[in-house]
Amino acid sequence: MKTFIKNSFIVCLILTLALTCGCAEAKTSAKKPKLNTTGMSLNIKQSKTLKLKNTTKKVSFKITSGKNFIKIKRKSNNSITVIGLKKGVAKIKAVLGKKSYTCKVSVKSSAKLLKIKANGYIFKADFMNNSSAKALKKQLQKSSITIKMHDYGNFEKVGDLPFSLPTNDEYITTSPGDVILYQGNQLTIYYDTNSWEFTRVAKIRGDNSTLKQKLGEGDVTVTLSLV
């Protein structure tokens, strides 16, 4: 009987030590809270999320400098939406318990031009004043877009957009350098003329007489961004 009790005590002791070690290990391996970014870049009127990860507790967020350049809105217990107001630099402090975390926010002037990178060349284009161009610009404020384009009709390069845009079609005759929206979900770059109902979204600056040669023959990968 004494042997049984002794063995049971030893087993309980081993289990207790195993559980204690397991809890200590779990505590050690737990991820520490940290910001999703310590350096944020925004355009005017653009918004992004600032979040203290690895916690569900309520975090205190405060703009410590540059209050005229940004504003913040509570999104959840551990995150906020940061909105750019005007060009400048601001700082946001996130406080959880006795620890604080800082994020630097740089607000830039809203980009005005469409940047087109294709076949080793970089082109700059002016946006048209319509809802189609504004919607494309809004998408590009989130991230750049890469499109695979091919020749069509010996007057344009055309490719599918990863989203649809509102159309403002009108019967027009294109000219080299026109950036055209077709059927709401295809983007074309014209290097020659054509007449049809299209939506003009931008116009490449400068002399476009050699645009066909610069874009090259066959398929081309085109990257769109803002500048």
Foldseek 3Di string as FASTA:
>chain_A
DVVVVVVVVVVVVVVVVVVVVVVVVCVVPQDDWDWPAQEAEEEAFDKDKIFTPSDQAAKDKDWPDDPVQWDWADDHRTMIMIHGHDADKTKMWIDDPPDIGIHIYGYDYQFQWKWKDKLNDIWIKGFDPDQQLVVVSVVQSVHKFKWKWWDDPVWKTKTFAPDFGDFDWDWDKDAAFWWWDDPRTMIMGTLHIDTDTIGTTIGTDDDSPCVDVSNPHTMMMMMIHTD
